[in-house]
Amino acid sequence: MTWREALVVPISAVSLLGFSVLAFSGKIDKGESEEQVTLEQCPPAVQDTIKAQASGGVIKEIEKETKNGKTIYEAEILKDGKTIEVKVAEDGTLIKSRVEDDDEENEGENEG
C-alpha cells in the first residue's frame, strides 16, 4: 500500500464526518449561513440604517445571516452603556431593535 492509498480512508472519513455534522445541524438542508461582516461589506441601505440606529454609539459587530433565501443583517451596538441588537433587511428596512438584557448575556457565564 502506498502512502497515497493510506491517506484516502482517513481523508474520506473526515470529509464525511464534516458533511454529516453540517447536515445534522440543518445548515445544508435549509440553506442557512452566518458570517461576520464589516459595515463596508453591507449594502448601502443597510449601512444607512445601522448608522442611524448607532447614532453616537459604537458598532461592535455585524453578522450577515441567510435563512430560507432571505438575508438579514444583525448588528450589535454599544450606546449609552447598553448593548442594542438591531436586525435590518437587505433593503435597509429596520426589522427589530431591542436593548439586550444583561441577565441574558450573563446566563451562560454562570453555567459550566
PDB file of N, CA and C in Angstrom:
ATOM      1  N   MET A   1       0.844  -1.175   0.000  1.00  0.00           N
ATOM      2  CA  MET A   1       0.000   0.000   0.000  1.00  0.00           C
ATOM      3  C   MET A   1       0.895   1.247   0.000  1.00  0.00           C
ATOM      4  N   THR A   2       0.581   2.160  -0.907  1.00  0.00           N
ATOM      5  CA  THR A   2       1.367   3.387  -0.988  1.00  0.00           C
ATOM      6  C   THR A   2       0.864   4.394   0.038  1.00  0.00           C
ATOM      7  N   TRP A   3       1.635   5.417   0.265  1.00  0.00           N
ATOM      8  CA  TRP A   3       1.226   6.437   1.241  1.00  0.00           C
ATOM      9  C   TRP A   3      -0.014   7.171   0.762  1.00  0.00           C
ATOM     10  N   ARG A   4      -0.200   7.293  -0.542  1.00  0.00           N
ATOM     11  CA  ARG A   4      -1.400   7.958  -1.062  1.00  0.00           C
ATOM     12  C   ARG A   4      -2.642   7.127  -0.770  1.00  0.00           C
ATOM     13  N   GLU A   5      -2.542   5.826  -0.958  1.00  0.00           N
ATOM     14  CA  GLU A   5      -3.679   4.951  -0.662  1.00  0.00           C
ATOM     15  C   GLU A   5      -3.998   4.966   0.824  1.00  0.00           C
ATOM     16  N   ALA A   6      -2.967   5.070   1.651  1.00  0.00           N
ATOM     17  CA  ALA A   6      -3.164   5.086   3.094  1.00  0.00           C
ATOM     18  C   ALA A   6      -3.874   6.353   3.559  1.00  0.00           C
ATOM     19  N   LEU A   7      -3.768   7.423   2.798  1.00  0.00           N
ATOM     20  CA  LEU A   7      -4.414   8.676   3.171  1.00  0.00           C
ATOM     21  C   LEU A   7      -5.872   8.765   2.711  1.00  0.00           C
ATOM     22  N   VAL A   8      -6.262   7.961   1.739  1.00  0.00           N
ATOM     23  CA  VAL A   8      -7.610   8.047   1.183  1.00  0.00           C
ATOM     24  C   VAL A   8      -8.679   7.794   2.243  1.00  0.00           C
ATOM     25  N   VAL A   9      -8.538   6.756   3.035  1.00  0.00           N
ATOM     26  CA  VAL A   9      -9.554   6.404   4.030  1.00  0.00           C
ATOM     27  C   VAL A   9      -9.686   7.485   5.103  1.00  0.00           C
ATOM     28  N   PRO A  10      -8.589   7.922   5.741  1.00  0.00           N
ATOM     29  CA  PRO A  10      -8.755   8.965   6.770  1.00  0.00           C
ATOM     30  C   PRO A  10      -9.316  10.276   6.214  1.00  0.00           C
ATOM     31  N   ILE A  11      -8.875  10.685   5.045  1.00  0.00           N
ATOM     32  CA  ILE A  11      -9.372  11.930   4.460  1.00  0.00           C
ATOM     33  C   ILE A  11     -10.852  11.797   4.120  1.00  0.00           C
ATOM     34  N   SER A  12     -11.244  10.672   3.573  1.00  0.00           N
ATOM     35  CA  SER A  12     -12.656  10.444   3.250  1.00  0.00           C
ATOM     36  C   SER A  12     -13.504  10.449   4.510  1.00  0.00           C
ATOM     37  N   ALA A  13     -13.013   9.827   5.570  1.00  0.00           N
ATOM     38  CA  ALA A  13     -13.759   9.755   6.827  1.00  0.00           C
ATOM     39  C   ALA A  13     -13.949  11.143   7.426  1.00  0.00           C
ATOM     40  N   VAL A  14     -12.905  11.961   7.404  1.00  0.00           N
ATOM     41  CA  VAL A  14     -13.001  13.312   7.948  1.00  0.00           C
ATOM     42  C   VAL A  14     -13.980  14.147   7.125  1.00  0.00           C
ATOM     43  N   SER A  15     -13.924  14.034   5.806  1.00  0.00           N
ATOM     44  CA  SER A  15     -14.849  14.776   4.942  1.00  0.00           C
ATOM     45  C   SER A  15     -16.281  14.360   5.199  1.00  0.00           C
ATOM     46  N   LEU A  16     -16.516  13.063   5.293  1.00  0.00           N
ATOM     47  CA  LEU A  16     -17.860  12.558   5.541  1.00  0.00           C
ATOM     48  C   LEU A  16     -18.370  13.027   6.896  1.00  0.00           C
ATOM     49  N   LEU A  17     -17.513  13.017   7.893  1.00  0.00           N
ATOM     50  CA  LEU A  17     -17.894  13.476   9.226  1.00  0.00           C
ATOM     51  C   LEU A  17     -18.271  14.957   9.193  1.00  0.00           C
ATOM     52  N   GLY A  18     -17.504  15.765   8.490  1.00  0.00           N
ATOM     53  CA  GLY A  18     -17.790  17.195   8.391  1.00  0.00           C
ATOM     54  C   GLY A  18     -19.136  17.451   7.744  1.00  0.00           C
ATOM     55  N   PHE A  19     -19.427  16.782   6.648  1.00  0.00           N
ATOM     56  CA  PHE A  19     -20.719  16.956   5.990  1.00  0.00           C
ATOM     57  C   PHE A  19     -21.857  16.431   6.854  1.00  0.00           C
ATOM     58  N   SER A  20     -21.604  15.373   7.602  1.00  0.00           N
ATOM     59  CA  SER A  20     -22.637  14.831   8.477  1.00  0.00           C
ATOM     60  C   SER A  20     -22.998  15.833   9.575  1.00  0.00           C
ATOM     61  N   VAL A  21     -21.994  16.463  10.140  1.00  0.00           N
ATOM     62  CA  VAL A  21     -22.237  17.450  11.192  1.00  0.00           C
ATOM     63  C   VAL A  21     -23.042  18.616  10.633  1.00  0.00           C
ATOM     64  N   LEU A  22     -22.686  19.116   9.449  1.00  0.00           N
ATOM     65  CA  LEU A  22     -23.424  20.218   8.840  1.00  0.00           C
ATOM     66  C   LEU A  22     -24.851  19.818   8.509  1.00  0.00           C
ATOM     67  N   ALA A  23     -25.032  18.621   7.975  1.00  0.00           N
ATOM     68  CA  ALA A  23     -26.377  18.165   7.637  1.00  0.00           C
ATOM     69  C   ALA A  23     -27.208  17.988   8.900  1.00  0.00           C
ATOM     70  N   PHE A  24     -26.605  17.465   9.961  1.00  0.00           N
ATOM     71  CA  PHE A  24     -27.317  17.256  11.215  1.00  0.00           C
ATOM     72  C   PHE A  24     -27.745  18.591  11.815  1.00  0.00           C
ATOM     73  N   SER A  25     -26.903  19.602  11.677  1.00  0.00           N
ATOM     74  CA  SER A  25     -27.240  20.916  12.228  1.00  0.00           C
ATOM     75  C   SER A  25     -28.285  21.627  11.376  1.00  0.00           C
ATOM     76  N   GLY A  26     -28.559  21.101  10.191  1.00  0.00           N
ATOM     77  CA  GLY A  26     -29.591  21.665   9.335  1.00  0.00           C
ATOM     78  C   GLY A  26     -29.103  22.776   8.430  1.00  0.00           C
ATOM     79  N   LYS A  27     -27.825  23.116   8.476  1.00  0.00           N
ATOM     80  CA  LYS A  27     -27.303  24.225   7.683  1.00  0.00           C
ATOM     81  C   LYS A  27     -27.324  23.913   6.186  1.00  0.00           C
ATOM     82  N   ILE A  28     -27.042  22.693   5.791  1.00  0.00           N
ATOM     83  CA  ILE A  28     -27.040  22.356   4.374  1.00  0.00           C
ATOM     84  C   ILE A  28     -28.462  22.232   3.862  1.00  0.00           C
ATOM     85  N   ASP A  29     -29.295  21.493   4.574  1.00  0.00           N
ATOM     86  CA  ASP A  29     -30.656  21.241   4.122  1.00  0.00           C
ATOM     87  C   ASP A  29     -31.488  22.513   4.017  1.00  0.00           C
ATOM     88  N   LYS A  30     -31.322  23.455   4.917  1.00  0.00           N
ATOM     89  CA  LYS A  30     -32.165  24.642   4.964  1.00  0.00           C
ATOM     90  C   LYS A  30     -31.537  25.836   4.250  1.00  0.00           C
ATOM     91  N   GLY A  31     -30.312  25.684   3.765  1.00  0.00           N
ATOM     92  CA  GLY A  31     -29.656  26.797   3.092  1.00  0.00           C
ATOM     93  C   GLY A  31     -29.359  27.949   4.018  1.00  0.00           C
ATOM     94  N   GLU A  32     -28.985  27.667   5.258  1.00  0.00           N
ATOM     95  CA  GLU A  32     -28.702  28.709   6.242  1.00  0.00           C
ATOM     96  C   GLU A  32     -27.211  28.994   6.291  1.00  0.00           C
ATOM     97  N   SER A  33     -26.884  30.258   6.523  1.00  0.00           N
ATOM     98  CA  SER A  33     -25.479  30.617   6.712  1.00  0.00           C
ATOM     99  C   SER A  33     -25.394  31.859   7.584  1.00  0.00           C
ATOM    100  N   GLU A  34     -24.257  32.004   8.223  1.00  0.00           N
ATOM    101  CA  GLU A  34     -23.961  33.147   9.083  1.00  0.00           C
ATOM    102  C   GLU A  34     -22.510  33.513   8.881  1.00  0.00           C
ATOM    103  N   GLU A  35     -22.242  34.804   8.768  1.00  0.00           N
ATOM    104  CA  GLU A  35     -20.847  35.226   8.681  1.00  0.00           C
ATOM    105  C   GLU A  35     -20.684  36.640   9.237  1.00  0.00           C
ATOM    106  N   GLN A  36     -19.538  36.874   9.841  1.00  0.00           N
ATOM    107  CA  GLN A  36     -19.201  38.200  10.348  1.00  0.00           C
ATOM    108  C   GLN A  36     -18.864  39.074   9.144  1.00  0.00           C
ATOM    109  N   VAL A  37     -19.360  40.290   9.123  1.00  0.00           N
ATOM    110  CA  VAL A  37     -19.050  41.233   8.053  1.00  0.00           C
ATOM    111  C   VAL A  37     -18.737  42.595   8.661  1.00  0.00           C
ATOM    112  N   THR A  38     -18.119  43.437   7.859  1.00  0.00           N
ATOM    113  CA  THR A  38     -17.867  44.813   8.286  1.00  0.00           C
ATOM    114  C   THR A  38     -19.006  45.692   7.770  1.00  0.00           C
ATOM    115  N   LEU A  39     -19.095  46.889   8.286  1.00  0.00           N
ATOM    116  CA  LEU A  39     -20.131  47.820   7.833  1.00  0.00           C
ATOM    117  C   LEU A  39     -19.984  48.080   6.336  1.00  0.00           C
ATOM    118  N   GLU A  40     -18.753  48.189   5.872  1.00  0.00           N
ATOM    119  CA  GLU A  40     -18.487  48.468   4.462  1.00  0.00           C
ATOM    120  C   GLU A  40     -18.935  47.329   3.543  1.00  0.00           C
ATOM    121  N   GLN A  41     -19.036  46.106   4.081  1.00  0.00           N
ATOM    122  CA  GLN A  41     -19.466  44.960   3.284  1.00  0.00           C
ATOM    123  C   GLN A  41     -20.994  44.870   3.169  1.00  0.00           C
ATOM    124  N   CYS A  42     -21.698  45.687   3.925  1.00  0.00           N
ATOM    125  CA  CYS A  42     -23.164  45.692   3.886  1.00  0.00           C
ATOM    126  C   CYS A  42     -23.640  46.564   2.729  1.00  0.00           C
ATOM    127  N   PRO A  43     -24.828  46.258   2.193  1.00  0.00           N
ATOM    128  CA  PRO A  43     -25.403  47.136   1.169  1.00  0.00           C
ATOM    129  C   PRO A  43     -25.579  48.557   1.724  1.00  0.00           C
ATOM    130  N   PRO A  44     -25.500  49.583   0.857  1.00  0.00           N
ATOM    131  CA  PRO A  44     -25.611  50.971   1.310  1.00  0.00           C
ATOM    132  C   PRO A  44     -26.855  51.252   2.165  1.00  0.00           C
ATOM    133  N   ALA A  45     -27.994  50.692   1.803  1.00  0.00           N
ATOM    134  CA  ALA A  45     -29.222  50.931   2.582  1.00  0.00           C
ATOM    135  C   ALA A  45     -29.098  50.358   3.990  1.00  0.00           C
ATOM    136  N   VAL A  46     -28.444  49.203   4.106  1.00  0.00           N
ATOM    137  CA  VAL A  46     -28.231  48.572   5.419  1.00  0.00           C
ATOM    138  C   VAL A  46     -27.263  49.423   6.238  1.00  0.00           C
ATOM    139  N   GLN A  47     -26.208  49.912   5.596  1.00  0.00           N
ATOM    140  CA  GLN A  47     -25.246  50.782   6.275  1.00  0.00           C
ATOM    141  C   GLN A  47     -25.949  52.004   6.857  1.00  0.00           C
ATOM    142  N   ASP A  48     -26.804  52.631   6.046  1.00  0.00           N
ATOM    143  CA  ASP A  48     -27.509  53.834   6.497  1.00  0.00           C
ATOM    144  C   ASP A  48     -28.368  53.553   7.727  1.00  0.00           C
ATOM    145  N   THR A  49     -29.098  52.424   7.703  1.00  0.00           N
ATOM    146  CA  THR A  49     -29.977  52.087   8.827  1.00  0.00           C
ATOM    147  C   THR A  49     -29.170  51.797  10.088  1.00  0.00           C
ATOM    148  N   ILE A  50     -28.091  51.029   9.944  1.00  0.00           N
ATOM    149  CA  ILE A  50     -27.263  50.699  11.110  1.00  0.00           C
ATOM    150  C   ILE A  50     -26.626  51.968  11.685  1.00  0.00           C
ATOM    151  N   LYS A  51     -26.119  52.841  10.805  1.00  0.00           N
ATOM    152  CA  LYS A  51     -25.520  54.100  11.280  1.00  0.00           C
ATOM    153  C   LYS A  51     -26.556  54.953  12.016  1.00  0.00           C
ATOM    154  N   ALA A  52     -27.768  55.007  11.481  1.00  0.00           N
ATOM    155  CA  ALA A  52     -28.828  55.795  12.122  1.00  0.00           C
ATOM    156  C   ALA A  52     -29.169  55.232  13.495  1.00  0.00           C
ATOM    157  N   GLN A  53     -29.223  53.924  13.614  1.00  0.00           N
ATOM    158  CA  GLN A  53     -29.528  53.285  14.894  1.00  0.00           C
ATOM    159  C   GLN A  53     -28.381  53.468  15.882  1.00  0.00           C
ATOM    160  N   ALA A  54     -27.150  53.513  15.378  1.00  0.00           N
ATOM    161  CA  ALA A  54     -25.982  53.650  16.248  1.00  0.00           C
ATOM    162  C   ALA A  54     -25.797  55.083  16.733  1.00  0.00           C
ATOM    163  N   SER A  55     -26.263  56.040  15.987  1.00  0.00           N
ATOM    164  CA  SER A  55     -26.067  57.471  16.238  1.00  0.00           C
ATOM    165  C   SER A  55     -25.444  57.793  17.593  1.00  0.00           C
ATOM    166  N   GLY A  56     -24.134  57.939  17.583  1.00  0.00           N
ATOM    167  CA  GLY A  56     -23.414  58.259  18.812  1.00  0.00           C
ATOM    168  C   GLY A  56     -22.911  57.035  19.555  1.00  0.00           C
ATOM    169  N   GLY A  57     -23.295  55.855  19.104  1.00  0.00           N
ATOM    170  CA  GLY A  57     -22.847  54.608  19.721  1.00  0.00           C
ATOM    171  C   GLY A  57     -21.720  53.971  18.917  1.00  0.00           C
ATOM    172  N   VAL A  58     -21.289  52.802  19.362  1.00  0.00           N
ATOM    173  CA  VAL A  58     -20.215  52.076  18.709  1.00  0.00           C
ATOM    174  C   VAL A  58     -20.773  50.762  18.167  1.00  0.00           C
ATOM    175  N   ILE A  59     -20.527  50.500  16.888  1.00  0.00           N
ATOM    176  CA  ILE A  59     -20.957  49.246  16.272  1.00  0.00           C
ATOM    177  C   ILE A  59     -19.925  48.187  16.641  1.00  0.00           C
ATOM    178  N   LYS A  60     -20.330  47.233  17.481  1.00  0.00           N
ATOM    179  CA  LYS A  60     -19.416  46.204  17.969  1.00  0.00           C
ATOM    180  C   LYS A  60     -19.211  45.100  16.950  1.00  0.00           C
ATOM    181  N   GLU A  61     -20.300  44.624  16.324  1.00  0.00           N
ATOM    182  CA  GLU A  61     -20.175  43.572  15.325  1.00  0.00           C
ATOM    183  C   GLU A  61     -21.411  43.530  14.451  1.00  0.00           C
ATOM    184  N   ILE A  62     -21.237  42.949  13.265  1.00  0.00           N
ATOM    185  CA  ILE A  62     -22.353  42.765  12.334  1.00  0.00           C
ATOM    186  C   ILE A  62     -22.264  41.351  11.781  1.00  0.00           C
ATOM    187  N   GLU A  63     -23.403  40.666  11.774  1.00  0.00           N
ATOM    188  CA  GLU A  63     -23.482  39.335  11.180  1.00  0.00           C
ATOM    189  C   GLU A  63     -24.451  39.364  10.014  1.00  0.00           C
ATOM    190  N   LYS A  64     -24.060  38.717   8.945  1.00  0.00           N
ATOM    191  CA  LYS A  64     -24.937  38.546   7.795  1.00  0.00           C
ATOM    192  C   LYS A  64     -25.515  37.145   7.904  1.00  0.00           C
ATOM    193  N   GLU A  65     -26.835  37.057   8.002  1.00  0.00           N
ATOM    194  CA  GLU A  65     -27.492  35.763   8.171  1.00  0.00           C
ATOM    195  C   GLU A  65     -28.424  35.505   6.992  1.00  0.00           C
ATOM    196  N   THR A  66     -28.322  34.301   6.429  1.00  0.00           N
ATOM    197  CA  THR A  66     -29.219  33.912   5.343  1.00  0.00           C
ATOM    198  C   THR A  66     -30.014  32.704   5.793  1.00  0.00           C
ATOM    199  N   LYS A  67     -31.336  32.824   5.725  1.00  0.00           N
ATOM    200  CA  LYS A  67     -32.236  31.723   6.081  1.00  0.00           C
ATOM    201  C   LYS A  67     -33.338  31.668   5.034  1.00  0.00           C
ATOM    202  N   ASN A  68     -33.564  30.492   4.509  1.00  0.00           N
ATOM    203  CA  ASN A  68     -34.627  30.299   3.518  1.00  0.00           C
ATOM    204  C   ASN A  68     -34.536  31.305   2.372  1.00  0.00           C
ATOM    205  N   GLY A  69     -33.324  31.611   1.956  1.00  0.00           N
ATOM    206  CA  GLY A  69     -33.124  32.519   0.837  1.00  0.00           C
ATOM    207  C   GLY A  69     -33.232  33.997   1.173  1.00  0.00           C
ATOM    208  N   LYS A  70     -33.499  34.341   2.420  1.00  0.00           N
ATOM    209  CA  LYS A  70     -33.607  35.747   2.829  1.00  0.00           C
ATOM    210  C   LYS A  70     -32.387  36.131   3.653  1.00  0.00           C
ATOM    211  N   THR A  71     -31.847  37.296   3.353  1.00  0.00           N
ATOM    212  CA  THR A  71     -30.662  37.784   4.059  1.00  0.00           C
ATOM    213  C   THR A  71     -31.043  38.933   4.981  1.00  0.00           C
ATOM    214  N   ILE A  72     -30.573  38.829   6.220  1.00  0.00           N
ATOM    215  CA  ILE A  72     -30.728  39.931   7.169  1.00  0.00           C
ATOM    216  C   ILE A  72     -29.365  40.225   7.788  1.00  0.00           C
ATOM    217  N   TYR A  73     -29.238  41.423   8.280  1.00  0.00           N
ATOM    218  CA  TYR A  73     -28.004  41.849   8.936  1.00  0.00           C
ATOM    219  C   TYR A  73     -28.334  42.142  10.389  1.00  0.00           C
ATOM    220  N   GLU A  74     -27.562  41.545  11.279  1.00  0.00           N
ATOM    221  CA  GLU A  74     -27.781  41.728  12.707  1.00  0.00           C
ATOM    222  C   GLU A  74     -26.571  42.456  13.288  1.00  0.00           C
ATOM    223  N   ALA A  75     -26.816  43.654  13.803  1.00  0.00           N
ATOM    224  CA  ALA A  75     -25.737  44.466  14.352  1.00  0.00           C
ATOM    225  C   ALA A  75     -25.867  44.558  15.861  1.00  0.00           C
ATOM    226  N   GLU A  76     -24.717  44.586  16.519  1.00  0.00           N
ATOM    227  CA  GLU A  76     -24.670  44.778  17.966  1.00  0.00           C
ATOM    228  C   GLU A  76     -24.017  46.138  18.198  1.00  0.00           C
ATOM    229  N   ILE A  77     -24.756  47.008  18.861  1.00  0.00           N
ATOM    230  CA  ILE A  77     -24.314  48.396  19.058  1.00  0.00           C
ATOM    231  C   ILE A  77     -24.211  48.688  20.547  1.00  0.00           C
ATOM    232  N   LEU A  78     -23.112  49.319  20.947  1.00  0.00           N
ATOM    233  CA  LEU A  78     -22.939  49.758  22.328  1.00  0.00           C
ATOM    234  C   LEU A  78     -23.244  51.247  22.366  1.00  0.00           C
ATOM    235  N   LYS A  79     -24.294  51.608  23.117  1.00  0.00           N
ATOM    236  CA  LYS A  79     -24.741  53.003  23.161  1.00  0.00           C
ATOM    237  C   LYS A  79     -25.232  53.322  24.567  1.00  0.00           C
ATOM    238  N   ASP A  80     -24.734  54.382  25.132  1.00  0.00           N
ATOM    239  CA  ASP A  80     -25.120  54.810  26.474  1.00  0.00           C
ATOM    240  C   ASP A  80     -24.969  53.689  27.506  1.00  0.00           C
ATOM    241  N   GLY A  81     -23.916  52.895  27.361  1.00  0.00           N
ATOM    242  CA  GLY A  81     -23.651  51.813  28.306  1.00  0.00           C
ATOM    243  C   GLY A  81     -24.530  50.588  28.131  1.00  0.00           C
ATOM    244  N   LYS A  82     -25.349  50.578  27.096  1.00  0.00           N
ATOM    245  CA  LYS A  82     -26.243  49.439  26.857  1.00  0.00           C
ATOM    246  C   LYS A  82     -25.928  48.815  25.503  1.00  0.00           C
ATOM    247  N   THR A  83     -26.175  47.519  25.396  1.00  0.00           N
ATOM    248  CA  THR A  83     -25.994  46.830  24.133  1.00  0.00           C
ATOM    249  C   THR A  83     -27.341  46.740  23.432  1.00  0.00           C
ATOM    250  N   ILE A  84     -27.368  47.210  22.203  1.00  0.00           N
ATOM    251  CA  ILE A  84     -28.595  47.204  21.409  1.00  0.00           C
ATOM    252  C   ILE A  84     -28.411  46.246  20.245  1.00  0.00           C
ATOM    253  N   GLU A  85     -29.386  45.364  20.057  1.00  0.00           N
ATOM    254  CA  GLU A  85     -29.374  44.437  18.934  1.00  0.00           C
ATOM    255  C   GLU A  85     -30.309  44.989  17.859  1.00  0.00           C
ATOM    256  N   VAL A  86     -29.796  45.117  16.642  1.00  0.00           N
ATOM    257  CA  VAL A  86     -30.565  45.670  15.537  1.00  0.00           C
ATOM    258  C   VAL A  86     -30.576  44.654  14.397  1.00  0.00           C
ATOM    259  N   LYS A  87     -31.762  44.363  13.868  1.00  0.00           N
ATOM    260  CA  LYS A  87     -31.887  43.488  12.708  1.00  0.00           C
ATOM    261  C   LYS A  87     -32.407  44.311  11.542  1.00  0.00           C
ATOM    262  N   VAL A  88     -31.702  44.195  10.395  1.00  0.00           N
ATOM    263  CA  VAL A  88     -32.016  45.007   9.229  1.00  0.00           C
ATOM    264  C   VAL A  88     -32.145  44.113   8.006  1.00  0.00           C
ATOM    265  N   ALA A  89     -33.207  44.337   7.209  1.00  0.00           N
ATOM    266  CA  ALA A  89     -33.401  43.600   5.962  1.00  0.00           C
ATOM    267  C   ALA A  89     -32.393  44.091   4.932  1.00  0.00           C
ATOM    268  N   GLU A  90     -32.223  43.301   3.890  1.00  0.00           N
ATOM    269  CA  GLU A  90     -31.248  43.617   2.850  1.00  0.00           C
ATOM    270  C   GLU A  90     -31.553  44.948   2.151  1.00  0.00           C
ATOM    271  N   ASP A  91     -32.819  45.363   2.171  1.00  0.00           N
ATOM    272  CA  ASP A  91     -33.196  46.628   1.530  1.00  0.00           C
ATOM    273  C   ASP A  91     -33.090  47.818   2.486  1.00  0.00           C
ATOM    274  N   GLY A  92     -32.610  47.581   3.708  1.00  0.00           N
ATOM    275  CA  GLY A  92     -32.414  48.658   4.673  1.00  0.00           C
ATOM    276  C   GLY A  92     -33.560  48.837   5.659  1.00  0.00           C
ATOM    277  N   THR A  93     -34.619  48.043   5.518  1.00  0.00           N
ATOM    278  CA  THR A  93     -35.760  48.138   6.425  1.00  0.00           C
ATOM    279  C   THR A  93     -35.375  47.642   7.814  1.00  0.00           C
ATOM    280  N   LEU A  94     -35.682  48.439   8.838  1.00  0.00           N
ATOM    281  CA  LEU A  94     -35.424  48.024  10.216  1.00  0.00           C
ATOM    282  C   LEU A  94     -36.453  46.969  10.601  1.00  0.00           C
ATOM    283  N   ILE A  95     -35.976  45.778  10.932  1.00  0.00           N
ATOM    284  CA  ILE A  95     -36.859  44.678  11.315  1.00  0.00           C
ATOM    285  C   ILE A  95     -37.110  44.697  12.813  1.00  0.00           C
ATOM    286  N   LYS A  96     -36.016  44.913  13.567  1.00  0.00           N
ATOM    287  CA  LYS A  96     -36.121  44.825  15.020  1.00  0.00           C
ATOM    288  C   LYS A  96     -34.980  45.609  15.660  1.00  0.00           C
ATOM    289  N   SER A  97     -35.281  46.237  16.781  1.00  0.00           N
ATOM    290  CA  SER A  97     -34.276  46.915  17.577  1.00  0.00           C
ATOM    291  C   SER A  97     -34.648  46.716  19.035  1.00  0.00           C
ATOM    292  N   ARG A  98     -33.729  46.156  19.804  1.00  0.00           N
ATOM    293  CA  ARG A  98     -34.038  45.942  21.218  1.00  0.00           C
ATOM    294  C   ARG A  98     -32.777  46.059  22.059  1.00  0.00           C
ATOM    295  N   VAL A  99     -32.962  46.495  23.288  1.00  0.00           N
ATOM    296  CA  VAL A  99     -31.867  46.568  24.246  1.00  0.00           C
ATOM    297  C   VAL A  99     -31.714  45.184  24.847  1.00  0.00           C
ATOM    298  N   GLU A 100     -30.491  44.651  24.789  1.00  0.00           N
ATOM    299  CA  GLU A 100     -30.246  43.336  25.359  1.00  0.00           C
ATOM    300  C   GLU A 100     -30.236  43.417  26.871  1.00  0.00           C
ATOM    301  N   ASP A 101     -30.809  42.414  27.491  1.00  0.00           N
ATOM    302  CA  ASP A 101     -30.864  42.316  28.950  1.00  0.00           C
ATOM    303  C   ASP A 101     -29.536  41.760  29.440  1.00  0.00           C
ATOM    304  N   ASP A 102     -28.897  42.442  30.393  1.00  0.00           N
ATOM    305  CA  ASP A 102     -27.621  41.981  30.936  1.00  0.00           C
ATOM    306  C   ASP A 102     -27.732  40.591  31.521  1.00  0.00           C
ATOM    307  N   ASP A 103     -28.891  40.230  32.084  1.00  0.00           N
ATOM    308  CA  ASP A 103     -29.073  38.902  32.662  1.00  0.00           C
ATOM    309  C   ASP A 103     -28.965  37.827  31.593  1.00  0.00           C
ATOM    310  N   GLU A 104     -29.467  38.093  30.367  1.00  0.00           N
ATOM    311  CA  GLU A 104     -29.376  37.129  29.269  1.00  0.00           C
ATOM    312  C   GLU A 104     -27.928  36.889  28.903  1.00  0.00           C
ATOM    313  N   GLU A 105     -27.120  37.957  28.855  1.00  0.00           N
ATOM    314  CA  GLU A 105     -25.723  37.827  28.486  1.00  0.00           C
ATOM    315  C   GLU A 105     -24.936  37.050  29.527  1.00  0.00           C
ATOM    316  N   ASN A 106     -25.284  37.182  30.797  1.00  0.00           N
ATOM    317  CA  ASN A 106     -24.529  36.549  31.868  1.00  0.00           C
ATOM    318  C   ASN A 106     -24.985  35.144  32.193  1.00  0.00           C
ATOM    319  N   GLU A 107     -26.131  34.709  31.653  1.00  0.00           N
ATOM    320  CA  GLU A 107     -26.633  33.366  31.977  1.00  0.00           C
ATOM    321  C   GLU A 107     -25.626  32.285  31.647  1.00  0.00           C
ATOM    322  N   GLY A 108     -25.039  32.346  30.441  1.00  0.00           N
ATOM    323  CA  GLY A 108     -24.108  31.319  30.013  1.00  0.00           C
ATOM    324  C   GLY A 108     -22.807  31.319  30.789  1.00  0.00           C
ATOM    325  N   GLU A 109     -22.430  32.464  31.357  1.00  0.00           N
ATOM    326  CA  GLU A 109     -21.175  32.548  32.090  1.00  0.00           C
ATOM    327  C   GLU A 109     -21.237  31.789  33.405  1.00  0.00           C
ATOM    328  N   ASN A 110     -22.412  31.670  33.997  1.00  0.00           N
ATOM    329  CA  ASN A 110     -22.529  31.017  35.290  1.00  0.00           C
ATOM    330  C   ASN A 110     -22.687  29.502  35.168  1.00  0.00           C
ATOM    331  N   GLU A 111     -22.959  29.029  33.963  1.00  0.00           N
ATOM    332  CA  GLU A 111     -23.115  27.587  33.773  1.00  0.00           C
ATOM    333  C   GLU A 111     -21.777  26.970  33.504  1.00  0.00           C
ATOM    334  N   GLY A 112     -21.665  25.679  33.734  1.00  0.00           N
ATOM    335  CA  GLY A 112     -20.413  25.050  33.352  1.00  0.00           C
ATOM    336  C   GLY A 112     -19.983  24.127  34.359  1.00  0.00           C
TER     337      GLY A 112
END
